[in-house]
Amino acid sequence: MAFALTGARIFTGDRFLDDHAVVIAGGRIAQVVPRHAIGALRTTDLGGGLLAPGFIDVQVNGGGGALLNDAPTLETVRTIAASHRKFGTVGLLPTVITDAPSVLAKAIEAVRSARQSNVPGILGIHIEGPFLDVERKGAHAVRFIREMTEDDVAWLEKLDCGAVMVTLAPNKVRPEQISRLAAHGVLVSLGHAEASYNEAMAALGSGARAFTHLFNAMSQMSGREPGMVGAALADHASYAGLIADGFHVHDAALIAAIAAKSRDRLMLITDAMPPAAGGPPGFDLQGRRATLENGRLQLEDGTLAGSNLTMDAAVRHCVQHLNVELADALRMASLTPASFLRMDHLLGKIVPGHLASLVHLDDALEVRETWIEGT
């Protein structure tokens, strides 16, 4: 049955509306109308705050104590999604990092099963590695990093588990391999590489679509060699993920990136690990201990090991520490990642025909409630 949400300011993805209602029917937005025009519909008064498009996170390794690499099962995917839902995430890509082929295969099957079981919010999978550059491995285990083969291209082309995002090193994967993946709809993202500007631009020209966690685990920008960071900031068509947690990237660098690159190409991500979204403060990552210390998640040698971030906290960081306009921060958390995933016809806006996947925030931008397809 149709129902209406009232009593909150509405951000449609384009503009703010006051004294309006969102009418939901069949899991989709039916209407956005003035409050007085909803008639006799069943109504929920939200009691203030802001109703916005729900958050979309394309890089979620874990949450709520679960880690996809550690236990690549349907139940793990379910736990991760349920944990992050509480913090406004209505759509995500469970992320499996560089690991043994058997682990990657089980993770893919777990995501496929989750989609077949209609686990709310599972949009596809992000395979981060193993086709990386050991010079910029970050927390990825060197023993699993390898070159991409023709067999790898063949199985990646055929994956059937929703959106498929693959992070690879542009100096380690051939442009023709990137072209083949892109031609089959794989969302190729560049990361974990000491690649040159020219190598990054060649990958973009071959069909790569994004940069994974901008600034982190990639060649930096200098005056004579712009590196991957320079390529990301200079190229206006590509997308780039930002981890806005105050640890992964200095706030001044984030401000510079936001100034240089269009808001409709920068997307907030969490790179979340098991401690995020209510998990315990430590976990094992492929035999290495990672712990949370003063908000920073790291291995014993000090290497960052993902984050303790949730999407609502990333939005707050942008607004409160980077002076980003609220509308821009909300777009970076929803409409931009939806566009990257080629799902902006369904997600990222509160307009008729879109899925009713929403988040209700209070005045402090803390999450009160989340809906996925009207539920």
Protein backbone atom coordinates (compact mmCIF):
# COMPACT_ATOMS: atom_id res chain seq x y z
CA MET A 1 0.00 0.00 0.00
CA ALA A 2 1.09 3.55 -0.68
CA PHE A 3 2.20 5.70 2.25
CA ALA A 4 3.71 9.14 2.76
CA LEU A 5 6.69 10.44 4.74
CA THR A 6 6.22 13.96 6.06
CA GLY A 7 7.61 16.32 8.66
CA ALA A 8 11.22 16.49 7.46
CA ARG A 9 13.01 18.78 5.05
CA ILE A 10 13.64 16.88 1.80
CA PHE A 11 16.81 16.85 -0.28
CA THR A 12 15.86 15.48 -3.68
CA GLY A 13 19.42 15.17 -4.95
CA ASP A 14 19.04 18.50 -6.73
CA ARG A 15 17.41 20.84 -4.22
CA PHE A 16 15.91 21.19 -0.76
CA LEU A 17 12.15 21.24 -0.22
CA ASP A 18 10.21 22.32 2.86
CA ASP A 19 6.63 21.39 3.75
CA HIS A 20 6.60 18.55 1.22
CA ALA A 21 5.85 14.83 1.44
CA VAL A 22 7.37 11.80 -0.24
CA VAL A 23 4.76 9.29 -1.40
CA ILE A 24 6.03 5.71 -1.66
CA ALA A 25 4.30 2.84 -3.47
CA GLY A 26 5.64 -0.53 -4.54
CA GLY A 27 9.11 0.24 -3.22
CA ARG A 28 9.49 3.34 -5.40
CA ILE A 29 8.97 7.05 -5.15
CA ALA A 30 5.48 7.75 -6.50
CA GLN A 31 5.31 11.48 -5.85
CA VAL A 32 7.00 14.38 -4.13
CA VAL A 33 4.21 16.82 -3.39
CA PRO A 34 3.29 19.67 -1.03
CA ARG A 35 2.26 18.34 2.38
CA HIS A 36 -1.36 19.44 1.93
CA ALA A 37 -1.71 17.43 -1.31
CA ILE A 38 -1.30 13.88 0.03
CA GLY A 39 -4.97 13.33 0.83
CA ALA A 40 -5.98 10.36 2.94
CA LEU A 41 -2.78 8.32 2.55
CA ARG A 42 -1.28 6.55 5.54
CA THR A 43 1.30 9.01 6.82
CA THR A 44 4.43 8.86 8.96
CA ASP A 45 5.51 12.16 10.48
CA LEU A 46 9.30 12.12 10.77
CA GLY A 47 9.31 14.93 13.30
CA GLY A 48 11.96 17.13 11.74
CA GLY A 49 15.42 16.48 10.37
CA LEU A 50 16.33 15.82 6.76
CA LEU A 51 15.13 13.11 4.38
CA ALA A 52 17.74 12.41 1.70
CA PRO A 53 18.68 9.74 -0.84
CA GLY A 54 20.32 6.85 1.00
CA PHE A 55 24.09 6.44 0.92
CA ILE A 56 25.89 4.20 -1.57
CA ASP A 57 29.32 2.79 -0.70
CA VAL A 58 31.39 1.07 -3.39
CA GLN A 59 34.15 -0.15 -1.06
CA VAL A 60 33.07 -2.10 2.03
CA ASN A 61 35.42 -4.84 3.20
CA GLY A 62 33.53 -5.51 6.40
CA GLY A 63 31.50 -4.23 9.30
CA GLY A 64 29.73 -5.36 12.43
CA GLY A 65 32.61 -7.74 13.17
CA ALA A 66 32.45 -9.49 9.78
CA LEU A 67 35.09 -9.48 7.01
CA LEU A 68 34.45 -10.82 3.52
CA ASN A 69 38.01 -12.12 3.05
CA ASP A 70 37.94 -13.93 6.37
CA ALA A 71 34.60 -15.67 5.83
CA PRO A 72 33.39 -15.31 2.23
CA THR A 73 29.84 -16.51 2.84
CA LEU A 74 26.27 -15.37 2.36
CA GLU A 75 25.94 -14.78 6.10
CA THR A 76 28.99 -12.49 6.10
CA VAL A 77 27.53 -10.42 3.27
CA ARG A 78 24.23 -10.24 5.13
CA THR A 79 25.96 -9.08 8.33
CA ILE A 80 28.00 -6.40 6.55
CA ALA A 81 24.95 -4.99 4.79
CA ALA A 82 22.79 -5.01 7.92
CA SER A 83 25.50 -3.32 9.99
CA HIS A 84 26.03 -0.45 7.55
CA ARG A 85 22.29 0.04 6.99
CA LYS A 86 22.09 1.46 10.49
CA PHE A 87 24.39 4.26 9.35
CA GLY A 88 22.47 5.22 6.23
CA THR A 89 23.97 2.92 3.60
CA VAL A 90 21.22 1.63 1.32
CA GLY A 91 23.47 0.15 -1.37
CA LEU A 92 26.99 -1.22 -1.28
CA LEU A 93 29.61 -3.34 -3.00
CA PRO A 94 31.02 -5.95 -0.59
CA THR A 95 34.76 -5.80 -1.23
CA VAL A 96 37.22 -8.67 -1.34
CA ILE A 97 40.89 -7.68 -1.32
CA THR A 98 43.89 -9.50 -2.78
CA ASP A 99 43.79 -13.14 -1.71
CA ALA A 100 44.03 -16.72 -2.92
CA PRO A 101 41.92 -17.58 -6.01
CA SER A 102 39.71 -19.84 -3.89
CA VAL A 103 38.85 -16.95 -1.54
CA LEU A 104 37.99 -14.68 -4.46
CA ALA A 105 35.77 -17.36 -5.95
CA LYS A 106 33.93 -17.93 -2.66
CA ALA A 107 33.44 -14.17 -2.18
CA ILE A 108 31.94 -13.85 -5.66
CA GLU A 109 29.61 -16.76 -4.98
CA ALA A 110 28.61 -15.25 -1.63
CA VAL A 111 27.63 -11.96 -3.30
CA ARG A 112 25.79 -13.81 -6.06
CA SER A 113 23.87 -15.78 -3.43
CA ALA A 114 23.07 -12.61 -1.51
CA ARG A 115 21.55 -11.03 -4.58
CA GLN A 116 19.58 -14.17 -5.38
CA SER A 117 18.35 -14.20 -1.77
CA ASN A 118 17.35 -10.52 -2.05
CA VAL A 119 19.61 -9.37 0.77
CA PRO A 120 18.75 -5.66 0.96
CA GLY A 121 21.30 -3.25 -0.45
CA ILE A 122 23.70 -5.61 -2.25
CA LEU A 123 24.43 -3.95 -5.59
CA GLY A 124 27.37 -6.09 -6.74
CA ILE A 125 30.97 -6.79 -5.81
CA HIS A 126 34.27 -4.91 -5.65
CA ILE A 127 37.34 -7.06 -6.31
CA GLU A 128 40.32 -5.00 -5.08
CA GLY A 129 43.33 -6.78 -6.53
CA PRO A 130 45.17 -9.09 -6.91
CA PHE A 131 46.41 -7.34 -10.09
CA LEU A 132 48.34 -4.68 -8.22
CA ASP A 133 51.80 -3.16 -7.93
CA VAL A 134 53.79 -4.40 -4.91
CA GLU A 135 55.40 -0.96 -4.65
CA ARG A 136 52.05 0.37 -3.45
CA LYS A 137 50.61 -2.73 -1.82
CA GLY A 138 49.28 -1.00 1.32
CA ALA A 139 47.77 -3.69 3.53
CA HIS A 140 47.50 -6.20 0.66
CA ALA A 141 49.54 -9.37 1.12
CA VAL A 142 52.45 -9.55 -1.34
CA ARG A 143 52.20 -13.32 -1.66
CA PHE A 144 48.85 -13.02 -3.43
CA ILE A 145 49.64 -10.13 -5.81
CA ARG A 146 50.06 -11.34 -9.40
CA GLU A 147 49.76 -10.41 -13.05
CA MET A 148 46.46 -10.55 -14.88
CA THR A 149 46.19 -13.46 -17.30
CA GLU A 150 43.84 -14.06 -20.20
CA ASP A 151 41.97 -16.56 -18.03
CA ASP A 152 41.44 -13.79 -15.46
CA VAL A 153 39.98 -11.50 -18.10
CA ALA A 154 37.69 -14.30 -19.27
CA TRP A 155 36.18 -15.03 -15.84
CA LEU A 156 35.84 -11.37 -14.91
CA GLU A 157 33.95 -10.72 -18.15
CA LYS A 158 31.40 -13.39 -17.27
CA LEU A 159 30.64 -12.58 -13.63
CA ASP A 160 26.94 -12.46 -12.89
CA CYS A 161 26.54 -10.79 -9.52
CA GLY A 162 25.35 -7.28 -10.23
CA ALA A 163 27.81 -4.41 -10.66
CA VAL A 164 31.39 -5.67 -10.90
CA MET A 165 34.13 -3.23 -9.87
CA VAL A 166 37.78 -4.26 -10.18
CA THR A 167 40.71 -2.28 -8.79
CA LEU A 168 43.93 -2.87 -10.73
CA ALA A 169 47.33 -1.26 -11.28
CA PRO A 170 47.53 0.56 -14.63
CA ASN A 171 51.26 -0.15 -14.91
CA LYS A 172 50.75 -3.89 -14.40
CA VAL A 173 47.69 -4.61 -16.55
CA ARG A 174 47.78 -4.16 -20.31
CA PRO A 175 45.53 -1.52 -21.92
CA GLU A 176 43.93 -4.14 -24.17
CA GLN A 177 42.93 -6.16 -21.09
CA ILE A 178 41.34 -3.06 -19.58
CA SER A 179 39.50 -2.45 -22.86
CA ARG A 180 38.08 -5.97 -22.85
CA LEU A 181 36.87 -5.66 -19.26
CA ALA A 182 35.29 -2.26 -19.86
CA ALA A 183 33.58 -3.51 -23.02
CA HIS A 184 31.86 -6.19 -20.92
CA GLY A 185 30.62 -3.67 -18.35
CA VAL A 186 33.28 -4.21 -15.69
CA LEU A 187 33.88 -1.01 -13.73
CA VAL A 188 37.66 -0.70 -13.85
CA SER A 189 39.20 1.44 -11.12
CA LEU A 190 42.88 2.32 -10.84
CA GLY A 191 44.77 1.94 -7.58
CA HIS A 192 47.61 0.42 -5.59
CA ALA A 193 50.26 1.40 -8.15
CA GLU A 194 53.42 3.45 -8.59
CA ALA A 195 52.21 4.26 -12.10
CA SER A 196 53.14 7.31 -14.13
CA TYR A 197 50.68 9.95 -15.27
CA ASN A 198 50.94 8.61 -18.83
CA GLU A 199 50.23 5.04 -17.70
CA ALA A 200 47.18 6.19 -15.76
CA MET A 201 45.90 8.25 -18.68
CA ALA A 202 46.43 5.32 -21.06
CA ALA A 203 44.29 3.15 -18.76
CA LEU A 204 41.57 5.79 -18.72
CA GLY A 205 41.71 5.94 -22.50
CA SER A 206 41.25 2.17 -22.58
CA GLY A 207 38.06 2.33 -20.52
CA ALA A 208 39.04 2.61 -16.86
CA ARG A 209 36.36 4.58 -15.05
CA ALA A 210 37.69 5.58 -11.62
CA PHE A 211 40.49 5.85 -9.07
CA THR A 212 40.33 3.80 -5.87
CA HIS A 213 40.77 5.77 -2.60
CA LEU A 214 42.40 8.86 -4.11
CA PHE A 215 45.84 9.74 -2.63
CA ASN A 216 46.15 6.39 -0.84
CA ALA A 217 48.38 3.64 -2.27
CA MET A 218 49.19 5.46 -5.51
CA SER A 219 51.90 7.61 -7.09
CA GLN A 220 51.67 11.16 -5.83
CA MET A 221 51.61 14.43 -7.73
CA SER A 222 54.73 16.52 -8.32
CA GLY A 223 55.51 19.37 -10.68
CA ARG A 224 57.25 17.28 -13.34
CA GLU A 225 55.51 13.93 -12.85
CA PRO A 226 51.83 14.33 -11.95
CA GLY A 227 51.46 10.62 -11.18
CA MET A 228 48.13 8.94 -10.58
CA VAL A 229 46.91 11.70 -8.27
CA GLY A 230 47.58 14.27 -10.99
CA ALA A 231 45.78 12.13 -13.57
CA ALA A 232 42.76 11.79 -11.30
CA LEU A 233 42.53 15.52 -10.65
CA ALA A 234 43.20 16.59 -14.24
CA ASP A 235 40.77 14.17 -15.87
CA HIS A 236 37.23 15.50 -15.64
CA ALA A 237 35.43 12.35 -16.80
CA SER A 238 36.76 9.82 -14.28
CA TYR A 239 35.43 9.21 -10.78
CA ALA A 240 37.51 9.07 -7.61
CA GLY A 241 36.78 7.65 -4.17
CA LEU A 242 37.65 9.62 -1.04
CA ILE A 243 38.10 8.24 2.47
CA ALA A 244 37.11 11.27 4.55
CA ASP A 245 38.01 10.04 8.03
CA GLY A 246 40.82 12.40 9.04
CA PHE A 247 43.39 9.59 8.91
CA HIS A 248 43.76 8.38 5.33
CA VAL A 249 44.14 11.81 3.75
CA HIS A 250 45.02 15.18 5.26
CA ASP A 251 42.04 17.52 5.26
CA ALA A 252 43.99 20.07 3.19
CA ALA A 253 44.52 17.46 0.46
CA LEU A 254 40.82 16.61 0.49
CA ILE A 255 39.94 20.29 0.20
CA ALA A 256 42.34 20.64 -2.75
CA ALA A 257 40.84 17.60 -4.48
CA ILE A 258 37.31 18.91 -4.02
CA ALA A 259 38.39 22.27 -5.42
CA ALA A 260 40.07 20.65 -8.43
CA LYS A 261 37.54 18.00 -9.38
CA SER A 262 33.81 18.26 -9.97
CA ARG A 263 31.54 17.19 -7.10
CA ASP A 264 29.73 14.89 -9.53
CA ARG A 265 32.91 12.84 -9.93
CA LEU A 266 34.05 12.57 -6.30
CA MET A 267 32.40 9.82 -4.26
CA LEU A 268 32.71 9.15 -0.56
CA ILE A 269 33.72 5.62 0.39
CA THR A 270 34.45 3.96 3.70
CA ASP A 271 36.94 1.17 2.95
CA ALA A 272 35.37 -0.21 6.13
CA MET A 273 36.73 -3.18 8.05
CA PRO A 274 35.13 -5.35 10.80
CA PRO A 275 35.38 -2.73 13.59
CA ALA A 276 33.19 -0.33 11.59
CA ALA A 277 29.43 -0.16 12.16
CA GLY A 278 29.51 -1.71 15.61
CA GLY A 279 32.25 -4.34 15.41
CA PRO A 280 35.02 -5.12 17.95
CA PRO A 281 38.21 -2.98 17.96
CA GLY A 282 40.53 -5.61 16.48
CA PHE A 283 40.60 -8.36 13.87
CA ASP A 284 42.93 -10.64 11.93
CA LEU A 285 43.71 -9.81 8.30
CA GLN A 286 45.29 -12.79 6.54
CA GLY A 287 47.32 -13.73 9.62
CA ARG A 288 48.19 -10.17 10.65
CA ARG A 289 46.60 -8.36 13.58
CA ALA A 290 44.84 -5.05 12.94
CA THR A 291 43.72 -2.84 15.80
CA LEU A 292 41.81 0.38 16.26
CA GLU A 293 43.81 3.05 18.05
CA ASN A 294 42.23 6.47 18.60
CA GLY A 295 40.05 5.98 15.54
CA ARG A 296 42.91 4.83 13.28
CA LEU A 297 42.82 1.21 12.08
CA GLN A 298 46.30 -0.18 11.50
CA LEU A 299 48.53 -3.25 11.33
CA GLU A 300 51.30 -3.78 13.86
CA ASP A 301 53.81 -2.01 11.58
CA GLY A 302 51.61 1.09 11.44
CA THR A 303 50.22 0.45 7.93
CA LEU A 304 46.64 1.61 7.54
CA ALA A 305 44.33 -1.40 7.27
CA GLY A 306 41.10 0.01 5.93
CA SER A 307 38.96 2.16 8.18
CA ASN A 308 36.47 2.35 11.01
CA LEU A 309 34.36 4.75 8.94
CA THR A 310 30.65 4.77 8.16
CA MET A 311 29.07 6.82 5.40
CA ASP A 312 27.19 9.17 7.72
CA ALA A 313 30.45 9.99 9.49
CA ALA A 314 32.09 10.70 6.12
CA VAL A 315 29.30 13.14 5.27
CA ARG A 316 29.70 14.86 8.64
CA HIS A 317 33.46 15.12 8.17
CA CYS A 318 32.99 16.83 4.81
CA VAL A 319 30.49 19.34 6.20
CA GLN A 320 32.13 20.01 9.56
CA HIS A 321 35.85 19.84 8.72
CA LEU A 322 36.11 20.54 4.98
CA ASN A 323 33.37 23.19 4.76
CA VAL A 324 31.65 21.30 1.95
CA GLU A 325 28.09 22.43 1.28
CA LEU A 326 25.60 19.89 2.66
CA ALA A 327 24.04 19.33 -0.76
CA ASP A 328 27.45 18.51 -2.25
CA ALA A 329 28.36 16.15 0.60
CA LEU A 330 25.07 14.32 0.20
CA ARG A 331 25.60 13.98 -3.56
CA MET A 332 29.11 12.64 -2.99
CA ALA A 333 27.58 9.99 -0.71
CA SER A 334 24.72 8.99 -2.98
CA LEU A 335 24.14 10.37 -6.47
CA THR A 336 27.80 10.32 -7.55
CA PRO A 337 28.43 6.68 -6.61
CA ALA A 338 25.08 5.79 -8.19
CA SER A 339 26.25 7.46 -11.39
CA PHE A 340 29.58 5.63 -11.25
CA LEU A 341 27.67 2.34 -10.95
CA ARG A 342 25.38 3.38 -13.84
CA MET A 343 22.45 3.16 -11.42
CA ASP A 344 21.54 6.85 -11.20
CA HIS A 345 18.25 6.08 -12.96
CA LEU A 346 17.28 4.13 -9.82
CA LEU A 347 19.26 5.57 -6.90
CA GLY A 348 20.65 8.86 -5.66
CA LYS A 349 17.56 11.03 -6.01
CA ILE A 350 14.13 11.42 -4.47
CA VAL A 351 12.11 11.76 -7.65
CA PRO A 352 9.21 9.75 -9.09
CA GLY A 353 10.27 6.38 -10.45
CA HIS A 354 13.42 6.01 -8.36
CA LEU A 355 13.71 3.35 -5.69
CA ALA A 356 12.54 4.49 -2.26
CA SER A 357 15.98 3.93 -0.70
CA LEU A 358 16.29 6.78 1.76
CA VAL A 359 17.97 8.02 4.90
CA HIS A 360 16.47 10.25 7.60
CA LEU A 361 19.07 12.42 9.36
CA ASP A 362 18.66 14.62 12.41
CA ASP A 363 19.98 18.17 12.60
CA ALA A 364 23.43 16.86 13.62
CA LEU A 365 23.45 14.57 10.53
CA GLU A 366 23.12 11.47 12.67
CA VAL A 367 21.00 8.66 11.19
CA ARG A 368 17.52 8.19 12.57
CA GLU A 369 16.14 5.70 10.09
CA THR A 370 16.90 4.04 6.76
CA TRP A 371 14.64 2.61 4.05
CA ILE A 372 15.61 0.26 1.22
CA GLU A 373 13.01 0.07 -1.53
CA GLY A 374 10.38 1.40 0.82
CA THR A 375 11.15 -0.94 3.73
